[in-house]
C-alpha atoms as a PDB file:
ATOM      1  CA  UNK A   1       1.773 121.452  67.768  1.00  0.00           C
ATOM      2  CA  UNK A   2       2.493 118.705  70.424  1.00  0.00           C
ATOM      3  CA  UNK A   3       5.006 116.849  68.232  1.00  0.00           C
ATOM      4  CA  UNK A   4       6.790 119.938  67.140  1.00  0.00           C
ATOM      5  CA  UNK A   5       7.266 120.756  70.939  1.00  0.00           C
ATOM      6  CA  UNK A   6       8.384 117.352  71.654  1.00  0.00           C
ATOM      7  CA  UNK A   7      11.236 117.656  68.793  1.00  0.00           C
ATOM      8  CA  UNK A   8      12.323 120.962  69.925  1.00  0.00           C
ATOM      9  CA  UNK A   9      12.689 119.483  73.503  1.00  0.00           C
ATOM     10  CA  UNK A  10      14.895 116.428  72.310  1.00  0.00           C
ATOM     11  CA  UNK A  11      16.931 118.934  70.147  1.00  0.00           C
ATOM     12  CA  UNK A  12      17.565 121.178  73.059  1.00  0.00           C
ATOM     13  CA  UNK A  13      18.594 118.123  75.251  1.00  0.00           C
ATOM     14  CA  UNK A  14      21.113 117.083  72.673  1.00  0.00           C
ATOM     15  CA  UNK A  15      22.734 120.446  72.243  1.00  0.00           C
ATOM     16  CA  UNK A  16      22.895 120.583  75.923  1.00  0.00           C
ATOM     17  CA  UNK A  17      24.791 117.347  76.228  1.00  0.00           C
ATOM     18  CA  UNK A  18      27.135 118.163  73.385  1.00  0.00           C
ATOM     19  CA  UNK A  19      28.012 121.513  75.050  1.00  0.00           C
ATOM     20  CA  UNK A  20      28.851 119.826  78.315  1.00  0.00           C
ATOM     21  CA  UNK A  21      31.114 117.157  76.617  1.00  0.00           C
ATOM     22  CA  UNK A  22      33.243 119.475  74.422  1.00  0.00           C
ATOM     23  CA  UNK A  23      34.855 121.229  77.413  1.00  0.00           C
ATOM     24  CA  UNK A  24      35.590 118.425  79.308  1.00  0.00           C
ATOM     25  CA  UNK A  25      37.527 116.766  76.205  1.00  0.00           C
ATOM     26  CA  UNK A  26      39.161 120.053  75.963  1.00  0.00           C
ATOM     27  CA  UNK A  27      40.045 120.198  79.604  1.00  0.00           C
ATOM     28  CA  UNK A  28      41.598 116.581  79.538  1.00  0.00           C
ATOM     29  CA  UNK A  29      43.838 117.489  76.736  1.00  0.00           C
ATOM     30  CA  UNK A  30      45.145 120.378  78.378  1.00  0.00           C
ATOM     31  CA  UNK A  31      45.654 118.431  81.485  1.00  0.00           C
ATOM     32  CA  UNK A  32      47.647 115.760  79.543  1.00  0.00           C
ATOM     33  CA  UNK A  33      49.807 118.351  77.952  1.00  0.00           C
ATOM     34  CA  UNK A  34      50.537 119.957  81.409  1.00  0.00           C
ATOM     35  CA  UNK A  35      51.400 116.529  82.557  1.00  0.00           C
ATOM     36  CA  UNK A  36      53.921 116.089  79.625  1.00  0.00           C
ATOM     37  CA  UNK A  37      55.530 119.432  80.295  1.00  0.00           C
ATOM     38  CA  UNK A  38      56.095 118.533  83.907  1.00  0.00           C
ATOM     39  CA  UNK A  39      58.160 115.436  83.044  1.00  0.00           C
ATOM     40  CA  UNK A  40      61.885 115.751  83.468  1.00  0.00           C
ATOM     41  CA  UNK A  41      63.874 115.947  80.353  1.00  0.00           C
ATOM     42  CA  UNK A  42      66.201 112.859  79.902  1.00  0.00           C
ATOM     43  CA  UNK A  43      69.784 113.512  81.390  1.00  0.00           C
ATOM     44  CA  UNK A  44      72.622 112.778  78.980  1.00  0.00           C
ATOM     45  CA  UNK A  45      75.232 110.331  80.495  1.00  0.00           C
ATOM     46  CA  UNK A  46      78.075 111.824  82.600  1.00  0.00           C
ATOM     47  CA  UNK A  47      81.080 112.176  80.671  1.00  0.00           C
ATOM     48  CA  UNK A  48      84.035 109.685  81.983  1.00  0.00           C
ATOM     49  CA  UNK A  49      86.454 111.310  84.290  1.00  0.00           C
ATOM     50  CA  UNK A  50      89.616 112.387  82.536  1.00  0.00           C
ATOM     51  CA  UNK A  51      92.520 110.041  83.070  1.00  0.00           C
ATOM     52  CA  UNK A  52      95.670 111.055  84.958  1.00  0.00           C
ATOM     53  CA  UNK A  53      98.789 111.504  82.899  1.00  0.00           C
ATOM     54  CA  UNK A  54     100.009 108.299  84.420  1.00  0.00           C
ATOM     55  CA  UNK A  55      96.878 106.480  83.333  1.00  0.00           C
ATOM     56  CA  UNK A  56      97.185 107.888  79.792  1.00  0.00           C
ATOM     57  CA  UNK A  57     100.562 106.828  79.366  1.00  0.00           C
ATOM     58  CA  UNK A  58      99.790 103.251  80.640  1.00  0.00           C
ATOM     59  CA  UNK A  59      96.571 102.915  78.702  1.00  0.00           C
ATOM     60  CA  UNK A  60      94.627 102.185  81.799  1.00  0.00           C
ATOM     61  CA  UNK A  61      93.918 103.156  85.615  1.00  0.00           C
ATOM     62  CA  UNK A  62      96.910 103.318  87.765  1.00  0.00           C
ATOM     63  CA  UNK A  63      96.904  99.969  89.829  1.00  0.00           C
ATOM     64  CA  UNK A  64     100.335  99.940  91.414  1.00  0.00           C
ATOM     65  CA  UNK A  65     101.798  97.982  88.589  1.00  0.00           C
ATOM     66  CA  UNK A  66     104.874  99.214  86.793  1.00  0.00           C
ATOM     67  CA  UNK A  67     103.814 102.557  85.182  1.00  0.00           C
ATOM     68  CA  UNK A  68     106.586 104.656  83.348  1.00  0.00           C
ATOM     69  CA  UNK A  69     107.053 108.260  84.761  1.00  0.00           C
ATOM     70  CA  UNK A  70     105.889 111.024  82.488  1.00  0.00           C
ATOM     71  CA  UNK A  71     106.241 114.677  82.101  1.00  0.00           C
ATOM     72  CA  UNK A  72     103.190 117.189  82.253  1.00  0.00           C
ATOM     73  CA  UNK A  73     101.946 116.079  79.056  1.00  0.00           C
ATOM     74  CA  UNK A  74     101.718 112.458  79.630  1.00  0.00           C
ATOM     75  CA  UNK A  75     104.729 111.478  77.663  1.00  0.00           C
ATOM     76  CA  UNK A  76     107.080 108.809  79.144  1.00  0.00           C
ATOM     77  CA  UNK A  77     110.210 110.598  80.365  1.00  0.00           C
ATOM     78  CA  UNK A  78     113.321 108.673  78.534  1.00  0.00           C
ATOM     79  CA  UNK A  79     115.804 106.786  80.861  1.00  0.00           C
ATOM     80  CA  UNK A  80     113.471 107.100  83.911  1.00  0.00           C
ATOM     81  CA  UNK A  81     112.805 104.115  85.886  1.00  0.00           C
ATOM     82  CA  UNK A  82     108.981 102.964  86.537  1.00  0.00           C
ATOM     83  CA  UNK A  83     107.176 104.293  89.363  1.00  0.00           C
ATOM     84  CA  UNK A  84     107.074 101.198  91.410  1.00  0.00           C
ATOM     85  CA  UNK A  85     110.799 100.713  90.672  1.00  0.00           C
ATOM     86  CA  UNK A  86     112.132 104.101  91.445  1.00  0.00           C
ATOM     87  CA  UNK A  87     114.014 103.818  94.927  1.00  0.00           C
ATOM     88  CA  UNK A  88     113.231 100.228  95.212  1.00  0.00           C
ATOM     89  CA  UNK A  89     115.266  97.007  94.748  1.00  0.00           C
ATOM     90  CA  UNK A  90     118.787  96.461  95.751  1.00  0.00           C
ATOM     91  CA  UNK A  91     120.800  98.659  93.502  1.00  0.00           C
ATOM     92  CA  UNK A  92     123.867 100.619  95.057  1.00  0.00           C
ATOM     93  CA  UNK A  93     125.717 103.483  93.266  1.00  0.00           C
ATOM     94  CA  UNK A  94     129.321 104.832  94.191  1.00  0.00           C
ATOM     95  CA  UNK A  95     131.799 107.137  93.044  1.00  0.00           C
ATOM     96  CA  UNK A  96     134.791 105.633  90.840  1.00  0.00           C
ATOM     97  CA  UNK A  97     138.190 106.942  91.683  1.00  0.00           C
ATOM     98  CA  UNK A  98     139.417 109.457  88.844  1.00  0.00           C
ATOM     99  CA  UNK A  99     142.683 107.296  88.200  1.00  0.00           C
ATOM    100  CA  UNK A 100     140.743 104.226  87.828  1.00  0.00           C
ATOM    101  CA  UNK A 101     140.030 103.051  84.259  1.00  0.00           C
ATOM    102  CA  UNK A 102     136.450 101.418  83.694  1.00  0.00           C
ATOM    103  CA  UNK A 103     136.072  98.204  81.699  1.00  0.00           C
ATOM    104  CA  UNK A 104     133.174  96.359  80.312  1.00  0.00           C
ATOM    105  CA  UNK A 105     132.376  93.657  82.748  1.00  0.00           C
ATOM    106  CA  UNK A 106     133.591  90.324  81.797  1.00  0.00           C
ATOM    107  CA  UNK A 107     130.797  88.197  83.092  1.00  0.00           C
ATOM    108  CA  UNK A 108     126.934  89.076  84.010  1.00  0.00           C
ATOM    109  CA  UNK A 109     127.757  88.659  87.600  1.00  0.00           C
ATOM    110  CA  UNK A 110     129.889  91.696  87.545  1.00  0.00           C
ATOM    111  CA  UNK A 111     128.197  95.032  88.171  1.00  0.00           C
ATOM    112  CA  UNK A 112     131.343  96.780  87.362  1.00  0.00           C
ATOM    113  CA  UNK A 113     135.210  96.566  86.558  1.00  0.00           C
ATOM    114  CA  UNK A 114     137.993  98.622  86.851  1.00  0.00           C
ATOM    115  CA  UNK A 115     141.753  98.558  85.946  1.00  0.00           C
ATOM    116  CA  UNK A 116     143.899 100.174  88.418  1.00  0.00           C
ATOM    117  CA  UNK A 117     147.222 101.894  87.033  1.00  0.00           C
ATOM    118  CA  UNK A 118     150.384  99.895  87.952  1.00  0.00           C
ATOM    119  CA  UNK A 119     152.809 101.563  90.344  1.00  0.00           C
ATOM    120  CA  UNK A 120     156.218 102.087  89.287  1.00  0.00           C
ATOM    121  CA  UNK A 121     158.357  98.843  89.145  1.00  0.00           C
ATOM    122  CA  UNK A 122     155.061  96.670  88.995  1.00  0.00           C
ATOM    123  CA  UNK A 123     154.718  94.428  86.178  1.00  0.00           C
ATOM    124  CA  UNK A 124     150.856  94.423  85.963  1.00  0.00           C
ATOM    125  CA  UNK A 125     147.992  96.784  86.977  1.00  0.00           C
ATOM    126  CA  UNK A 126     145.592  95.853  89.603  1.00  0.00           C
ATOM    127  CA  UNK A 127     142.018  94.582  88.978  1.00  0.00           C
ATOM    128  CA  UNK A 128     138.814  95.474  90.613  1.00  0.00           C
ATOM    129  CA  UNK A 129     135.566  93.725  90.240  1.00  0.00           C
ATOM    130  CA  UNK A 130     132.092  94.560  92.073  1.00  0.00           C
ATOM    131  CA  UNK A 131     129.839  91.440  92.350  1.00  0.00           C
ATOM    132  CA  UNK A 132     126.042  91.296  92.663  1.00  0.00           C
ATOM    133  CA  UNK A 133     124.355  87.921  92.078  1.00  0.00           C
ATOM    134  CA  UNK A 134     120.746  89.039  92.589  1.00  0.00           C
ATOM    135  CA  UNK A 135     118.200  89.406  95.613  1.00  0.00           C
ATOM    136  CA  UNK A 136     118.866  86.754  98.180  1.00  0.00           C
ATOM    137  CA  UNK A 137     121.916  85.355  96.370  1.00  0.00           C
ATOM    138  CA  UNK A 138     125.625  85.577  96.915  1.00  0.00           C
ATOM    139  CA  UNK A 139     126.056  83.786 100.097  1.00  0.00           C
ATOM    140  CA  UNK A 140     126.862  84.885 103.668  1.00  0.00           C
ATOM    141  CA  UNK A 141     129.581  87.442 104.503  1.00  0.00           C
ATOM    142  CA  UNK A 142     131.990  84.986 106.448  1.00  0.00           C
ATOM    143  CA  UNK A 143     131.647  82.246 103.712  1.00  0.00           C
ATOM    144  CA  UNK A 144     133.093  84.701 101.273  1.00  0.00           C
ATOM    145  CA  UNK A 145     135.678  85.952 103.395  1.00  0.00           C
ATOM    146  CA  UNK A 146     136.971  82.432 104.083  1.00  0.00           C
ATOM    147  CA  UNK A 147     136.913  81.947 100.129  1.00  0.00           C
ATOM    148  CA  UNK A 148     138.998  84.975  99.504  1.00  0.00           C
ATOM    149  CA  UNK A 149     141.446  83.992 102.143  1.00  0.00           C
ATOM    150  CA  UNK A 150     141.826  80.472 100.518  1.00  0.00           C
ATOM    151  CA  UNK A 151     142.950  82.065  97.396  1.00  0.00           C
ATOM    152  CA  UNK A 152     146.092  83.383  99.124  1.00  0.00           C
ATOM    153  CA  UNK A 153     149.133  81.461 100.672  1.00  0.00           C
ATOM    154  CA  UNK A 154     151.934  82.548 102.505  1.00  0.00           C
ATOM    155  CA  UNK A 155     155.625  81.092 101.879  1.00  0.00           C
ATOM    156  CA  UNK A 156     154.925  77.921 103.779  1.00  0.00           C
ATOM    157  CA  UNK A 157     151.800  77.116 101.565  1.00  0.00           C
ATOM    158  CA  UNK A 158     149.317  78.079 104.365  1.00  0.00           C
ATOM    159  CA  UNK A 159     146.421  80.338 104.173  1.00  0.00           C
ATOM    160  CA  UNK A 160     147.135  83.681 106.253  1.00  0.00           C
ATOM    161  CA  UNK A 161     144.148  84.811 108.291  1.00  0.00           C
ATOM    162  CA  UNK A 162     142.874  88.012 106.787  1.00  0.00           C
ATOM    163  CA  UNK A 163     142.580  91.171 108.570  1.00  0.00           C
ATOM    164  CA  UNK A 164     138.914  92.074 108.926  1.00  0.00           C
ATOM    165  CA  UNK A 165     137.447  95.591 109.926  1.00  0.00           C
ATOM    166  CA  UNK A 166     133.699  96.052 110.871  1.00  0.00           C
ATOM    167  CA  UNK A 167     131.987  99.189 109.785  1.00  0.00           C
ATOM    168  CA  UNK A 168     128.835 100.674 107.970  1.00  0.00           C
ATOM    169  CA  UNK A 169     128.228 102.924 105.136  1.00  0.00           C
ATOM    170  CA  UNK A 170     124.841 104.800 104.204  1.00  0.00           C
ATOM    171  CA  UNK A 171     123.436 102.779 107.118  1.00  0.00           C
ATOM    172  CA  UNK A 172     124.226  99.267 105.969  1.00  0.00           C
ATOM    173  CA  UNK A 173     126.607  96.964 107.692  1.00  0.00           C
ATOM    174  CA  UNK A 174     129.951  96.820 105.876  1.00  0.00           C
ATOM    175  CA  UNK A 175     133.014  94.707 106.254  1.00  0.00           C
ATOM    176  CA  UNK A 176     136.692  95.336 104.715  1.00  0.00           C
ATOM    177  CA  UNK A 177     138.968  92.659 104.137  1.00  0.00           C
ATOM    178  CA  UNK A 178     142.726  92.508 103.843  1.00  0.00           C
ATOM    179  CA  UNK A 179     145.249  89.903 102.910  1.00  0.00           C
ATOM    180  CA  UNK A 180     148.207  89.214 101.141  1.00  0.00           C
ATOM    181  CA  UNK A 181     150.594  86.525  99.649  1.00  0.00           C
ATOM    182  CA  UNK A 182     150.678  84.335  96.459  1.00  0.00           C
ATOM    183  CA  UNK A 183     147.448  84.580  94.909  1.00  0.00           C
ATOM    184  CA  UNK A 184     145.529  81.871  93.203  1.00  0.00           C
ATOM    185  CA  UNK A 185     142.821  83.595  91.174  1.00  0.00           C
ATOM    186  CA  UNK A 186     139.324  81.931  91.249  1.00  0.00           C
ATOM    187  CA  UNK A 187     138.080  80.741  87.722  1.00  0.00           C
ATOM    188  CA  UNK A 188     135.065  83.118  88.505  1.00  0.00           C
ATOM    189  CA  UNK A 189     137.602  86.120  88.033  1.00  0.00           C
ATOM    190  CA  UNK A 190     138.544  84.879  84.603  1.00  0.00           C
ATOM    191  CA  UNK A 191     141.877  85.633  82.774  1.00  0.00           C
ATOM    192  CA  UNK A 192     145.324  84.028  83.795  1.00  0.00           C
ATOM    193  CA  UNK A 193     144.884  81.553  86.679  1.00  0.00           C
ATOM    194  CA  UNK A 194     148.553  81.122  87.319  1.00  0.00           C
ATOM    195  CA  UNK A 195     149.614  81.587  90.954  1.00  0.00           C
ATOM    196  CA  UNK A 196     151.087  85.046  91.449  1.00  0.00           C
ATOM    197  CA  UNK A 197     153.498  85.938  94.293  1.00  0.00           C
ATOM    198  CA  UNK A 198     153.553  89.419  96.060  1.00  0.00           C
ATOM    199  CA  UNK A 199     149.932  90.166  95.626  1.00  0.00           C
ATOM    200  CA  UNK A 200     147.432  91.943  97.957  1.00  0.00           C
ATOM    201  CA  UNK A 201     143.736  92.051  98.272  1.00  0.00           C
ATOM    202  CA  UNK A 202     141.676  94.970  99.160  1.00  0.00           C
ATOM    203  CA  UNK A 203     138.096  93.757  99.720  1.00  0.00           C
ATOM    204  CA  UNK A 204     134.724  95.055 100.910  1.00  0.00           C
ATOM    205  CA  UNK A 205     131.320  93.219 101.416  1.00  0.00           C
ATOM    206  CA  UNK A 206     128.268  95.579 101.843  1.00  0.00           C
ATOM    207  CA  UNK A 207     125.081  94.154 103.302  1.00  0.00           C
ATOM    208  CA  UNK A 208     122.717  95.775 100.419  1.00  0.00           C
ATOM    209  CA  UNK A 209     118.993  96.148 100.828  1.00  0.00           C
ATOM    210  CA  UNK A 210     118.105  92.781  99.131  1.00  0.00           C
ATOM    211  CA  UNK A 211     121.698  91.042  98.808  1.00  0.00           C
ATOM    212  CA  UNK A 212     125.280  91.415  99.777  1.00  0.00           C
ATOM    213  CA  UNK A 213     127.497  93.393  97.375  1.00  0.00           C
ATOM    214  CA  UNK A 214     131.048  92.238  96.905  1.00  0.00           C
ATOM    215  CA  UNK A 215     134.050  94.693  95.942  1.00  0.00           C
ATOM    216  CA  UNK A 216     137.107  92.842  95.386  1.00  0.00           C
ATOM    217  CA  UNK A 217     140.298  94.553  94.308  1.00  0.00           C
ATOM    218  CA  UNK A 218     143.627  92.525  93.797  1.00  0.00           C
ATOM    219  CA  UNK A 219     147.168  93.214  92.287  1.00  0.00           C
ATOM    220  CA  UNK A 220     150.787  93.444  93.050  1.00  0.00           C
ATOM    221  CA  UNK A 221     151.303  94.738  96.516  1.00  0.00           C
ATOM    222  CA  UNK A 222     153.017  98.177  95.570  1.00  0.00           C
ATOM    223  CA  UNK A 223     150.238  98.914  93.114  1.00  0.00           C
ATOM    224  CA  UNK A 224     147.370  98.086  95.651  1.00  0.00           C
ATOM    225  CA  UNK A 225     148.903 100.110  98.290  1.00  0.00           C
ATOM    226  CA  UNK A 226     148.981 102.985  96.172  1.00  0.00           C
ATOM    227  CA  UNK A 227     145.336 102.742  95.442  1.00  0.00           C
ATOM    228  CA  UNK A 228     144.268 102.094  98.986  1.00  0.00           C
ATOM    229  CA  UNK A 229     143.021 105.497  99.789  1.00  0.00           C
ATOM    230  CA  UNK A 230     141.091 105.668  96.609  1.00  0.00           C
ATOM    231  CA  UNK A 231     139.531 102.190  97.446  1.00  0.00           C
ATOM    232  CA  UNK A 232     138.574 103.494 100.962  1.00  0.00           C
ATOM    233  CA  UNK A 233     137.059 106.516  99.258  1.00  0.00           C
ATOM    234  CA  UNK A 234     134.975 104.289  96.875  1.00  0.00           C
ATOM    235  CA  UNK A 235     133.743 102.446  99.721  1.00  0.00           C
ATOM    236  CA  UNK A 236     132.834 105.600 101.687  1.00  0.00           C
ATOM    237  CA  UNK A 237     130.920 106.688  98.650  1.00  0.00           C
ATOM    238  CA  UNK A 238     128.412 103.929  98.392  1.00  0.00           C
ATOM    239  CA  UNK A 239     124.824 104.713  98.484  1.00  0.00           C
ATOM    240  CA  UNK A 240     121.441 102.901  97.873  1.00  0.00           C
ATOM    241  CA  UNK A 241     120.209 104.029  94.430  1.00  0.00           C
END
């Protein structure tokens, strides 16, 4: 009887221990599950910011480099200057007189070239060329005035002093130059270099944003006088592009 009692006692103790351990294990499992539920879900990486239409057109972010102007769909606009070029640089524009005939420039130094219809009785038309040599190029104004004057000679073979008028156009300094006599064209003008008597020069030099622009018109005196008002109107129409 004593041995059976002891057996029962040990059995009871084992049962009690097992009953106490099982709830603790279950509670620990529940706590681990609760801890996992409380961990924040992994966040997906934020999508990249959409590019502007200018960036899409250039293939990268805008950085102040030359970027084509684009329409609302991001497509480059044909014939438009780049964003960094629009309104910049030294370009000038003007209105061509209706009676003047535009010609292809005979050299890369000429930005424009015109033929002026001859007046009645004159054998040749007048010629007008617009020169631009690039930023910071072309020389100073007085040096060019002197060069133009040296191409004309009076009856005694002397170079008459040109008539010079100071003024401005579109906020830029401008000088008009007039002279006459026997004209020996500069090789830069091309064509026939034979001295021609009875010629006249209507010229203007405009101090553009980055260099001087030269408007040089020559031809028979009567022809040039017939186009003097048109020449003045062209100079008055000059604007920065």
